[in-house]
Amino acid sequence: MSAILLNDRMRSELVHLADAARRRERSRAKALLWLAEGVSVSEVAYRLEVSRQTVYNWSERFRHRARLDLRSRLGDAPRSGRPRTVRGVIDPLIAAVIDKDPRDVGCDASAWSGTTLMRYLAEAHDLAVSRKSVCLALQRLRSRRRSGD
């Protein structure tokens, strides 16, 4: 069940990805090429320093995604749960108020803090974000201002 059949075009694309792609895609491309050459799953796992189950998962995912382009066949499946960051959402909202007095936008504080911004985002925009996300957004905004963006 681990052998992979590749046509010439697919083999050529995998060779290219094995040389030029990001690390994750490169490892998966190499695994598929080796499996197509008849290398055992155990040996592929050893060479790439991953578990045999990981190699089986890559192989099965590649087979089941036959209708997709090569990069999609090698990529991770979409993951459930909350996205890693709300960066694209909160940065412009914070940038729009950070130079204003918090009292002008309905807050009861005289200066912005991470907590005050969290409350503002929750009340004004119905966004529940962590204090860490707010602090990271503030760092990004300060960095942009220093660089003149």
C-alpha atoms as a PDB file:
ATOM      1  CA  MET A   1       0.000   0.000   0.000  1.00  0.00           C
ATOM      2  CA  SER A   2       3.003   2.304   0.240  1.00  0.00           C
ATOM      3  CA  ALA A   3       4.186   2.166  -3.374  1.00  0.00           C
ATOM      4  CA  ILE A   4       3.430   5.282  -5.394  1.00  0.00           C
ATOM      5  CA  LEU A   5       2.951   5.348  -9.160  1.00  0.00           C
ATOM      6  CA  LEU A   6       4.148   8.533 -10.856  1.00  0.00           C
ATOM      7  CA  ASN A   7       3.984   9.625 -14.456  1.00  0.00           C
ATOM      8  CA  ASP A   8       6.953  11.497 -15.962  1.00  0.00           C
ATOM      9  CA  ARG A   9       5.432  14.940 -15.470  1.00  0.00           C
ATOM     10  CA  MET A  10       4.569  14.265 -11.822  1.00  0.00           C
ATOM     11  CA  ARG A  11       8.029  12.833 -11.169  1.00  0.00           C
ATOM     12  CA  SER A  12       9.608  15.908 -12.736  1.00  0.00           C
ATOM     13  CA  GLU A  13       7.502  18.267 -10.598  1.00  0.00           C
ATOM     14  CA  LEU A  14       8.327  16.300  -7.449  1.00  0.00           C
ATOM     15  CA  VAL A  15      12.052  16.413  -8.267  1.00  0.00           C
ATOM     16  CA  HIS A  16      11.785  20.174  -8.650  1.00  0.00           C
ATOM     17  CA  LEU A  17       9.944  20.513  -5.317  1.00  0.00           C
ATOM     18  CA  ALA A  18      12.414  18.200  -3.607  1.00  0.00           C
ATOM     19  CA  ASP A  19      15.146  20.680  -4.576  1.00  0.00           C
ATOM     20  CA  ALA A  20      13.434  24.054  -4.319  1.00  0.00           C
ATOM     21  CA  ALA A  21      10.359  23.936  -2.082  1.00  0.00           C
ATOM     22  CA  ARG A  22       9.920  24.863   1.549  1.00  0.00           C
ATOM     23  CA  ARG A  23      11.132  22.249   4.009  1.00  0.00           C
ATOM     24  CA  ARG A  24       7.750  20.601   4.584  1.00  0.00           C
ATOM     25  CA  GLU A  25       6.962  20.235   0.870  1.00  0.00           C
ATOM     26  CA  ARG A  26      10.545  19.177   0.151  1.00  0.00           C
ATOM     27  CA  SER A  27      10.319  16.321   2.683  1.00  0.00           C
ATOM     28  CA  ARG A  28       6.998  15.140   1.317  1.00  0.00           C
ATOM     29  CA  ALA A  29       8.226  15.295  -2.274  1.00  0.00           C
ATOM     30  CA  LYS A  30      11.326  13.274  -1.390  1.00  0.00           C
ATOM     31  CA  ALA A  31       9.211  10.714   0.443  1.00  0.00           C
ATOM     32  CA  LEU A  32       6.944  10.223  -2.567  1.00  0.00           C
ATOM     33  CA  LEU A  33       9.878   9.952  -4.957  1.00  0.00           C
ATOM     34  CA  TRP A  34      11.560   7.346  -2.773  1.00  0.00           C
ATOM     35  CA  LEU A  35       8.327   5.397  -2.369  1.00  0.00           C
ATOM     36  CA  ALA A  36       7.901   5.431  -6.165  1.00  0.00           C
ATOM     37  CA  GLU A  37      11.437   4.001  -6.453  1.00  0.00           C
ATOM     38  CA  GLY A  38      10.439   1.153  -4.134  1.00  0.00           C
ATOM     39  CA  VAL A  39      12.147   2.354  -0.957  1.00  0.00           C
ATOM     40  CA  SER A  40      10.358   0.966   2.109  1.00  0.00           C
ATOM     41  CA  VAL A  41       8.247   3.147   4.348  1.00  0.00           C
ATOM     42  CA  SER A  42      10.596   2.377   7.240  1.00  0.00           C
ATOM     43  CA  GLU A  43      13.617   3.544   5.260  1.00  0.00           C
ATOM     44  CA  VAL A  44      11.858   6.717   4.064  1.00  0.00           C
ATOM     45  CA  ALA A  45      10.843   7.507   7.646  1.00  0.00           C
ATOM     46  CA  TYR A  46      14.421   6.927   8.813  1.00  0.00           C
ATOM     47  CA  ARG A  47      15.902   9.160   6.083  1.00  0.00           C
ATOM     48  CA  LEU A  48      13.502  12.010   6.836  1.00  0.00           C
ATOM     49  CA  GLU A  49      13.508  11.511  10.609  1.00  0.00           C
ATOM     50  CA  VAL A  50       9.733  11.136  10.804  1.00  0.00           C
ATOM     51  CA  SER A  51       7.494   8.290  11.936  1.00  0.00           C
ATOM     52  CA  ARG A  52       6.355   5.535   9.582  1.00  0.00           C
ATOM     53  CA  GLN A  53       2.782   6.696  10.237  1.00  0.00           C
ATOM     54  CA  THR A  54       3.689  10.136   8.897  1.00  0.00           C
ATOM     55  CA  VAL A  55       4.978   8.587   5.676  1.00  0.00           C
ATOM     56  CA  TYR A  56       1.806   6.504   5.369  1.00  0.00           C
ATOM     57  CA  ASN A  57      -0.278   9.649   5.934  1.00  0.00           C
ATOM     58  CA  TRP A  58       1.606  11.560   3.216  1.00  0.00           C
ATOM     59  CA  SER A  59       1.218   8.654   0.799  1.00  0.00           C
ATOM     60  CA  GLU A  60      -2.504   8.251   1.451  1.00  0.00           C
ATOM     61  CA  ARG A  61      -3.159  11.979   1.247  1.00  0.00           C
ATOM     62  CA  PHE A  62      -1.312  12.104  -2.086  1.00  0.00           C
ATOM     63  CA  ARG A  63      -3.430   9.248  -3.455  1.00  0.00           C
ATOM     64  CA  HIS A  64      -6.755  10.641  -2.240  1.00  0.00           C
ATOM     65  CA  ARG A  65      -6.128  14.103  -3.663  1.00  0.00           C
ATOM     66  CA  ALA A  66      -5.486  12.948  -7.223  1.00  0.00           C
ATOM     67  CA  ARG A  67      -7.686  15.669  -8.741  1.00  0.00           C
ATOM     68  CA  LEU A  68      -5.772  18.519  -7.062  1.00  0.00           C
ATOM     69  CA  ASP A  69      -2.598  20.245  -8.193  1.00  0.00           C
ATOM     70  CA  LEU A  70       0.689  18.910  -6.832  1.00  0.00           C
ATOM     71  CA  ARG A  71       1.178  21.508  -4.068  1.00  0.00           C
ATOM     72  CA  SER A  72      -2.346  20.882  -2.783  1.00  0.00           C
ATOM     73  CA  ARG A  73      -1.704  17.165  -2.798  1.00  0.00           C
ATOM     74  CA  LEU A  74       1.419  17.672  -0.672  1.00  0.00           C
ATOM     75  CA  GLY A  75      -0.069  20.263   1.679  1.00  0.00           C
ATOM     76  CA  ASP A  76      -1.658  19.846   5.051  1.00  0.00           C
ATOM     77  CA  ALA A  77      -5.371  19.353   5.337  1.00  0.00           C
ATOM     78  CA  PRO A  78      -7.337  22.334   6.632  1.00  0.00           C
ATOM     79  CA  ARG A  79      -7.372  22.359  10.402  1.00  0.00           C
ATOM     80  CA  SER A  80     -10.390  23.018  12.525  1.00  0.00           C
ATOM     81  CA  GLY A  81     -10.408  25.533  15.295  1.00  0.00           C
ATOM     82  CA  ARG A  82      -9.582  29.153  15.717  1.00  0.00           C
ATOM     83  CA  PRO A  83      -7.084  30.736  13.314  1.00  0.00           C
ATOM     84  CA  ARG A  84      -3.629  31.445  14.731  1.00  0.00           C
ATOM     85  CA  THR A  85      -4.064  35.199  14.572  1.00  0.00           C
ATOM     86  CA  VAL A  86      -6.613  37.921  14.098  1.00  0.00           C
ATOM     87  CA  ARG A  87      -3.891  40.180  12.762  1.00  0.00           C
ATOM     88  CA  GLY A  88      -5.620  41.307   9.587  1.00  0.00           C
ATOM     89  CA  VAL A  89      -8.765  42.167  11.524  1.00  0.00           C
ATOM     90  CA  ILE A  90      -7.538  43.977  14.624  1.00  0.00           C
ATOM     91  CA  ASP A  91      -4.538  45.898  13.272  1.00  0.00           C
ATOM     92  CA  PRO A  92      -6.605  48.410  11.264  1.00  0.00           C
ATOM     93  CA  LEU A  93      -9.177  48.744  14.054  1.00  0.00           C
ATOM     94  CA  ILE A  94      -6.497  49.552  16.611  1.00  0.00           C
ATOM     95  CA  ALA A  95      -4.667  51.859  14.188  1.00  0.00           C
ATOM     96  CA  ALA A  96      -7.878  53.829  13.704  1.00  0.00           C
ATOM     97  CA  VAL A  97      -8.227  54.654  17.422  1.00  0.00           C
ATOM     98  CA  ILE A  98      -4.765  54.488  18.952  1.00  0.00           C
ATOM     99  CA  ASP A  99      -4.067  58.207  18.440  1.00  0.00           C
ATOM    100  CA  LYS A 100      -7.441  59.214  19.886  1.00  0.00           C
ATOM    101  CA  ASP A 101      -8.330  59.686  23.515  1.00  0.00           C
ATOM    102  CA  PRO A 102     -10.069  56.467  24.645  1.00  0.00           C
ATOM    103  CA  ARG A 103     -12.879  58.554  26.154  1.00  0.00           C
ATOM    104  CA  ASP A 104     -13.681  59.877  22.656  1.00  0.00           C
ATOM    105  CA  VAL A 105     -14.687  56.369  21.563  1.00  0.00           C
ATOM    106  CA  GLY A 106     -16.657  55.474  24.657  1.00  0.00           C
ATOM    107  CA  CYS A 107     -13.996  53.983  26.940  1.00  0.00           C
ATOM    108  CA  ASP A 108     -13.681  55.008  30.572  1.00  0.00           C
ATOM    109  CA  ALA A 109      -9.866  55.142  30.568  1.00  0.00           C
ATOM    110  CA  SER A 110      -7.686  58.172  29.882  1.00  0.00           C
ATOM    111  CA  ALA A 111      -4.971  56.168  28.080  1.00  0.00           C
ATOM    112  CA  TRP A 112      -4.914  53.059  25.932  1.00  0.00           C
ATOM    113  CA  SER A 113      -3.680  49.801  27.442  1.00  0.00           C
ATOM    114  CA  GLY A 114      -3.920  46.223  26.259  1.00  0.00           C
ATOM    115  CA  THR A 115      -6.916  45.662  28.497  1.00  0.00           C
ATOM    116  CA  THR A 116      -8.635  48.866  27.387  1.00  0.00           C
ATOM    117  CA  LEU A 117      -8.124  47.927  23.733  1.00  0.00           C
ATOM    118  CA  MET A 118      -9.498  44.424  24.408  1.00  0.00           C
ATOM    119  CA  ARG A 119     -12.628  45.946  25.933  1.00  0.00           C
ATOM    120  CA  TYR A 120     -12.959  48.452  23.084  1.00  0.00           C
ATOM    121  CA  LEU A 121     -12.699  45.696  20.431  1.00  0.00           C
ATOM    122  CA  ALA A 122     -15.266  43.586  22.295  1.00  0.00           C
ATOM    123  CA  GLU A 123     -17.758  46.393  22.815  1.00  0.00           C
ATOM    124  CA  ALA A 124     -17.387  48.402  19.607  1.00  0.00           C
ATOM    125  CA  HIS A 125     -16.660  45.568  17.148  1.00  0.00           C
ATOM    126  CA  ASP A 126     -17.940  42.434  18.899  1.00  0.00           C
ATOM    127  CA  LEU A 127     -14.457  40.883  18.750  1.00  0.00           C
ATOM    128  CA  ALA A 128     -13.128  38.720  21.559  1.00  0.00           C
ATOM    129  CA  VAL A 129      -9.334  38.836  21.351  1.00  0.00           C
ATOM    130  CA  SER A 130      -6.606  38.007  23.823  1.00  0.00           C
ATOM    131  CA  ARG A 131      -4.449  40.598  25.503  1.00  0.00           C
ATOM    132  CA  LYS A 132      -1.450  39.009  23.807  1.00  0.00           C
ATOM    133  CA  SER A 133      -3.011  39.555  20.357  1.00  0.00           C
ATOM    134  CA  VAL A 134      -3.615  43.205  21.211  1.00  0.00           C
ATOM    135  CA  CYS A 135      -0.041  43.662  22.477  1.00  0.00           C
ATOM    136  CA  LEU A 136       1.387  42.043  19.353  1.00  0.00           C
ATOM    137  CA  ALA A 137      -0.767  44.303  17.182  1.00  0.00           C
ATOM    138  CA  LEU A 138       0.539  47.337  19.083  1.00  0.00           C
ATOM    139  CA  GLN A 139       4.113  46.190  18.494  1.00  0.00           C
ATOM    140  CA  ARG A 140       3.445  45.808  14.767  1.00  0.00           C
ATOM    141  CA  LEU A 141       1.873  49.267  14.591  1.00  0.00           C
ATOM    142  CA  ARG A 142       4.790  50.871  16.442  1.00  0.00           C
ATOM    143  CA  SER A 143       7.223  49.104  14.144  1.00  0.00           C
ATOM    144  CA  ARG A 144       5.410  50.378  11.038  1.00  0.00           C
ATOM    145  CA  ARG A 145       5.424  53.909  12.379  1.00  0.00           C
ATOM    146  CA  ARG A 146       9.172  53.785  13.058  1.00  0.00           C
ATOM    147  CA  SER A 147       9.878  52.479   9.566  1.00  0.00           C
ATOM    148  CA  GLY A 148       7.611  55.085   7.976  1.00  0.00           C
ATOM    149  CA  ASP A 149       5.066  52.691   6.427  1.00  0.00           C
END
